[in-house]
């Protein structure tokens, strides 16, 4: 794939590095060309620096919006023509001081991107982990690859993002349509508060899948099965 990256920060670095290693062509776009050039050199593998518009135009299939919540919609609005028909991948987290969800009571960050670039197919993914987790090769814990929820409405765009999730060494999980992206963003706010604010293990708050609907009847009763006569 040809992937345009909007942004020169840590998420752009972590994800684009995996994708270049997987054989994709990547352009790193930034307003500051020196930062774009420095990151492209760091990533290597033919990654090329570009301005924001040039990177959006380069990404024929996917454009990653590795931008802060405050900047994302403005940049998407500015580049909307170059984003037409493409998967626009949003990894942002609208989390503010006190781990507060900045979109509370309003549209999600992903929906704001979709409104700013109505011809693009916005997909939400890669927002639940610190950038250093995405730098891992691969993100595998206790022998199990990290699962990445993916939310979006366009099947072609979702298929492309699922491929990119696998290229990072993770497993994509269907998270529903873009209307559910706000739930992913709220989950990130909760997890960050638990990890950073409380020092709690957020992974421990959910039971294993086999217990998602509660224990089996015999386990609820705390009894061993009786042998049949």
Protein backbone atom coordinates (compact mmCIF):
# COMPACT_ATOMS: atom_id res chain seq x y z
CA UNK A 1 0.00 0.00 0.00
CA UNK A 2 0.91 3.66 -0.37
CA UNK A 3 0.38 5.24 3.04
CA UNK A 4 0.45 8.93 3.85
CA UNK A 5 1.21 9.89 7.44
CA UNK A 6 0.02 13.23 8.80
CA UNK A 7 2.23 14.10 11.74
CA UNK A 8 5.81 13.63 12.87
CA UNK A 9 5.32 12.55 16.49
CA UNK A 10 5.68 9.29 18.37
CA UNK A 11 2.64 7.51 16.96
CA UNK A 12 3.68 8.37 13.41
CA UNK A 13 7.13 6.99 14.17
CA UNK A 14 5.95 3.77 15.84
CA UNK A 15 3.31 2.75 13.29
CA UNK A 16 5.06 3.87 10.12
CA UNK A 17 8.18 1.93 11.13
CA UNK A 18 6.19 -1.32 11.20
CA UNK A 19 4.52 -0.57 7.89
CA UNK A 20 7.76 0.19 6.09
CA UNK A 21 9.20 -3.10 7.39
CA UNK A 22 6.11 -4.85 6.03
CA UNK A 23 6.88 -3.51 2.56
CA UNK A 24 4.48 -0.58 2.32
CA UNK A 25 5.47 2.75 0.78
CA UNK A 26 5.21 5.59 3.30
CA UNK A 27 5.37 9.38 3.12
CA UNK A 28 5.81 11.30 6.37
CA UNK A 29 4.01 14.63 6.27
CA UNK A 30 4.50 17.61 8.54
CA UNK A 31 4.27 21.36 8.55
CA UNK A 32 7.92 21.42 9.63
CA UNK A 33 9.89 19.79 6.81
CA UNK A 34 12.96 19.40 9.00
CA UNK A 35 10.98 17.20 11.39
CA UNK A 36 9.50 15.23 8.49
CA UNK A 37 12.96 14.68 7.01
CA UNK A 38 14.41 13.64 10.37
CA UNK A 39 11.63 11.11 10.99
CA UNK A 40 11.79 9.71 7.46
CA UNK A 41 15.54 9.13 7.90
CA UNK A 42 14.94 7.47 11.26
CA UNK A 43 12.33 5.11 9.81
CA UNK A 44 14.38 4.33 6.70
CA UNK A 45 13.20 1.74 4.22
CA UNK A 46 12.43 4.32 1.58
CA UNK A 47 10.14 6.46 3.76
CA UNK A 48 10.03 9.91 2.24
CA UNK A 49 9.42 13.32 3.81
CA UNK A 50 6.67 15.56 2.55
CA UNK A 51 4.39 18.41 3.45
CA UNK A 52 0.98 17.58 4.88
CA UNK A 53 -0.84 17.95 1.57
CA UNK A 54 1.76 15.96 -0.35
CA UNK A 55 1.57 13.15 2.21
CA UNK A 56 -2.23 13.07 1.96
CA UNK A 57 -1.99 12.90 -1.83
CA UNK A 58 0.69 10.18 -1.63
CA UNK A 59 -1.48 7.89 0.48
CA UNK A 60 -3.51 6.25 -2.25
CA UNK A 61 -5.19 3.72 0.02
CA UNK A 62 -4.65 4.90 3.61
CA UNK A 63 -3.78 8.16 5.34
CA UNK A 64 -2.87 8.02 9.03
CA UNK A 65 -3.93 11.06 11.05
CA UNK A 66 -1.28 10.90 13.78
CA UNK A 67 -2.32 14.29 15.08
CA UNK A 68 -3.47 15.70 18.39
CA UNK A 69 -7.19 15.98 19.02
CA UNK A 70 -6.99 19.74 18.77
CA UNK A 71 -5.34 19.71 15.34
CA UNK A 72 -6.88 16.72 13.61
CA UNK A 73 -10.16 18.16 12.35
CA UNK A 74 -8.52 21.40 11.21
CA UNK A 75 -5.93 19.53 9.14
CA UNK A 76 -8.56 17.17 7.71
CA UNK A 77 -10.70 20.14 6.69
CA UNK A 78 -7.73 21.77 5.00
CA UNK A 79 -6.87 18.58 3.10
CA UNK A 80 -10.36 17.21 2.48
CA UNK A 81 -9.99 17.08 -1.31
CA UNK A 82 -6.77 15.02 -1.04
CA UNK A 83 -8.49 12.61 1.37
CA UNK A 84 -11.45 11.86 -0.88
CA UNK A 85 -12.24 8.15 -1.10
CA UNK A 86 -9.36 7.07 1.15
CA UNK A 87 -9.23 5.32 4.50
CA UNK A 88 -8.44 8.03 7.07
CA UNK A 89 -7.05 6.25 10.13
CA UNK A 90 -7.55 8.08 13.42
CA UNK A 91 -5.44 7.05 16.41
CA UNK A 92 -6.03 10.15 18.54
CA UNK A 93 -7.23 10.28 22.14
CA UNK A 94 -9.22 13.35 23.21
CA UNK A 95 -8.08 13.10 26.84
CA UNK A 96 -7.34 16.25 28.85
CA UNK A 97 -6.21 17.23 32.34
CA UNK A 98 -7.48 14.94 35.04
CA UNK A 99 -7.93 12.21 32.41
CA UNK A 100 -11.11 13.98 31.31
CA UNK A 101 -12.71 13.02 27.99
CA UNK A 102 -12.65 16.28 26.02
CA UNK A 103 -15.52 15.20 23.74
CA UNK A 104 -17.94 14.38 26.56
CA UNK A 105 -21.45 15.30 25.50
CA UNK A 106 -20.41 15.84 21.87
CA UNK A 107 -19.12 14.04 18.81
CA UNK A 108 -16.14 11.72 19.06
CA UNK A 109 -12.78 12.79 17.65
CA UNK A 110 -13.29 10.28 14.84
CA UNK A 111 -16.71 11.68 13.94
CA UNK A 112 -15.24 15.19 13.90
CA UNK A 113 -12.64 14.02 11.41
CA UNK A 114 -15.40 12.49 9.30
CA UNK A 115 -17.31 15.77 9.30
CA UNK A 116 -14.18 17.72 8.38
CA UNK A 117 -13.38 15.39 5.45
CA UNK A 118 -16.77 13.98 4.40
CA UNK A 119 -15.36 12.17 1.35
CA UNK A 120 -12.91 10.14 3.43
CA UNK A 121 -13.68 6.81 5.15
CA UNK A 122 -12.62 7.35 8.76
CA UNK A 123 -11.50 4.32 10.77
CA UNK A 124 -10.66 4.42 14.49
CA UNK A 125 -7.86 2.16 15.74
CA UNK A 126 -4.54 2.10 17.62
CA UNK A 127 -5.73 4.45 20.38
CA UNK A 128 -5.69 2.17 23.43
CA UNK A 129 -1.93 1.85 24.02
CA UNK A 130 1.10 4.01 24.67
CA UNK A 131 3.25 4.58 21.59
CA UNK A 132 6.05 2.43 23.02
CA UNK A 133 3.73 -0.58 22.98
CA UNK A 134 3.32 -0.06 19.24
CA UNK A 135 7.12 -0.02 18.88
CA UNK A 136 7.34 -3.60 20.15
CA UNK A 137 8.23 -6.27 17.58
CA UNK A 138 5.58 -7.58 17.97
CA UNK A 139 3.23 -6.54 20.83
CA UNK A 140 2.73 -10.02 22.30
CA UNK A 141 1.94 -10.58 25.98
CA UNK A 142 1.97 -14.02 27.62
CA UNK A 143 2.12 -15.54 24.17
CA UNK A 144 -0.99 -13.71 22.96
CA UNK A 145 -0.84 -10.96 20.32
CA UNK A 146 -2.39 -7.67 21.33
CA UNK A 147 -5.96 -7.24 20.07
CA UNK A 148 -6.78 -3.93 18.36
CA UNK A 149 -10.43 -2.82 18.15
CA UNK A 150 -11.26 -1.24 14.78
CA UNK A 151 -14.34 0.94 14.19
CA UNK A 152 -15.56 2.17 10.81
CA UNK A 153 -18.36 2.10 8.26
CA UNK A 154 -16.64 1.35 4.93
CA UNK A 155 -15.68 -2.30 4.39
CA UNK A 156 -12.81 -1.55 1.99
CA UNK A 157 -11.29 0.93 4.44
CA UNK A 158 -11.76 -1.54 7.32
CA UNK A 159 -10.03 -4.30 5.34
CA UNK A 160 -7.03 -2.06 4.69
CA UNK A 161 -6.74 -1.08 8.33
CA UNK A 162 -7.08 -4.69 9.46
CA UNK A 163 -4.12 -5.53 7.21
CA UNK A 164 -2.10 -2.74 8.80
CA UNK A 165 -3.01 -4.00 12.27
CA UNK A 166 -1.66 -7.43 11.36
CA UNK A 167 1.50 -5.81 9.96
CA UNK A 168 2.15 -4.40 13.44
CA UNK A 169 1.90 -7.98 14.79
CA UNK A 170 -1.54 -7.55 16.35
CA UNK A 171 -4.98 -9.05 15.81
CA UNK A 172 -7.81 -6.79 14.59
CA UNK A 173 -11.12 -6.98 16.42
CA UNK A 174 -14.38 -5.71 14.91
CA UNK A 175 -15.46 -2.79 17.07
CA UNK A 176 -18.57 -1.85 15.10
CA UNK A 177 -19.40 1.22 13.05
CA UNK A 178 -17.87 4.65 13.42
CA UNK A 179 -20.65 5.61 15.84
CA UNK A 180 -18.86 3.35 18.35
CA UNK A 181 -15.52 5.17 18.03
CA UNK A 182 -16.50 7.36 20.96
CA UNK A 183 -16.64 4.23 23.13
CA UNK A 184 -13.03 3.45 22.19
CA UNK A 185 -12.03 6.99 23.09
CA UNK A 186 -13.86 6.78 26.43
CA UNK A 187 -12.19 3.43 27.10
CA UNK A 188 -8.80 5.04 26.52
CA UNK A 189 -9.65 7.81 29.00
CA UNK A 190 -10.66 5.21 31.60
CA UNK A 191 -7.61 3.03 31.02
CA UNK A 192 -5.20 5.97 31.18
CA UNK A 193 -6.78 7.09 34.46
CA UNK A 194 -6.46 3.57 35.88
CA UNK A 195 -2.88 3.07 34.69
CA UNK A 196 -1.47 6.49 35.43
CA UNK A 197 -3.77 7.86 38.10
CA UNK A 198 -4.37 4.73 40.18
CA UNK A 199 -1.53 2.42 39.22
CA UNK A 200 -4.14 -0.26 38.54
CA UNK A 201 -3.97 -3.10 36.03
CA UNK A 202 -6.74 -2.18 33.59
CA UNK A 203 -6.49 -5.61 31.95
CA UNK A 204 -7.66 -7.20 35.19
CA UNK A 205 -11.07 -5.49 35.17
CA UNK A 206 -12.60 -7.91 32.66
CA UNK A 207 -13.04 -11.67 33.14
CA UNK A 208 -11.85 -14.17 30.52
CA UNK A 209 -14.13 -14.64 27.52
CA UNK A 210 -15.47 -17.94 28.86
CA UNK A 211 -16.91 -16.01 31.83
CA UNK A 212 -18.20 -12.97 29.91
CA UNK A 213 -21.81 -14.10 30.46
CA UNK A 214 -21.14 -15.33 33.98
CA UNK A 215 -19.99 -18.73 35.24
CA UNK A 216 -21.63 -21.96 34.24
CA UNK A 217 -24.52 -23.10 36.48
CA UNK A 218 -22.39 -25.62 38.41
CA UNK A 219 -19.70 -23.03 39.03
CA UNK A 220 -22.31 -20.55 40.26
CA UNK A 221 -23.56 -23.15 42.70
CA UNK A 222 -20.04 -24.00 43.78
CA UNK A 223 -20.77 -27.71 43.42
CA UNK A 224 -19.07 -30.55 41.66
CA UNK A 225 -21.17 -32.50 39.16
CA UNK A 226 -22.70 -35.65 40.65
CA UNK A 227 -22.02 -38.93 38.86
CA UNK A 228 -25.04 -40.42 37.14
CA UNK A 229 -26.54 -43.59 38.59
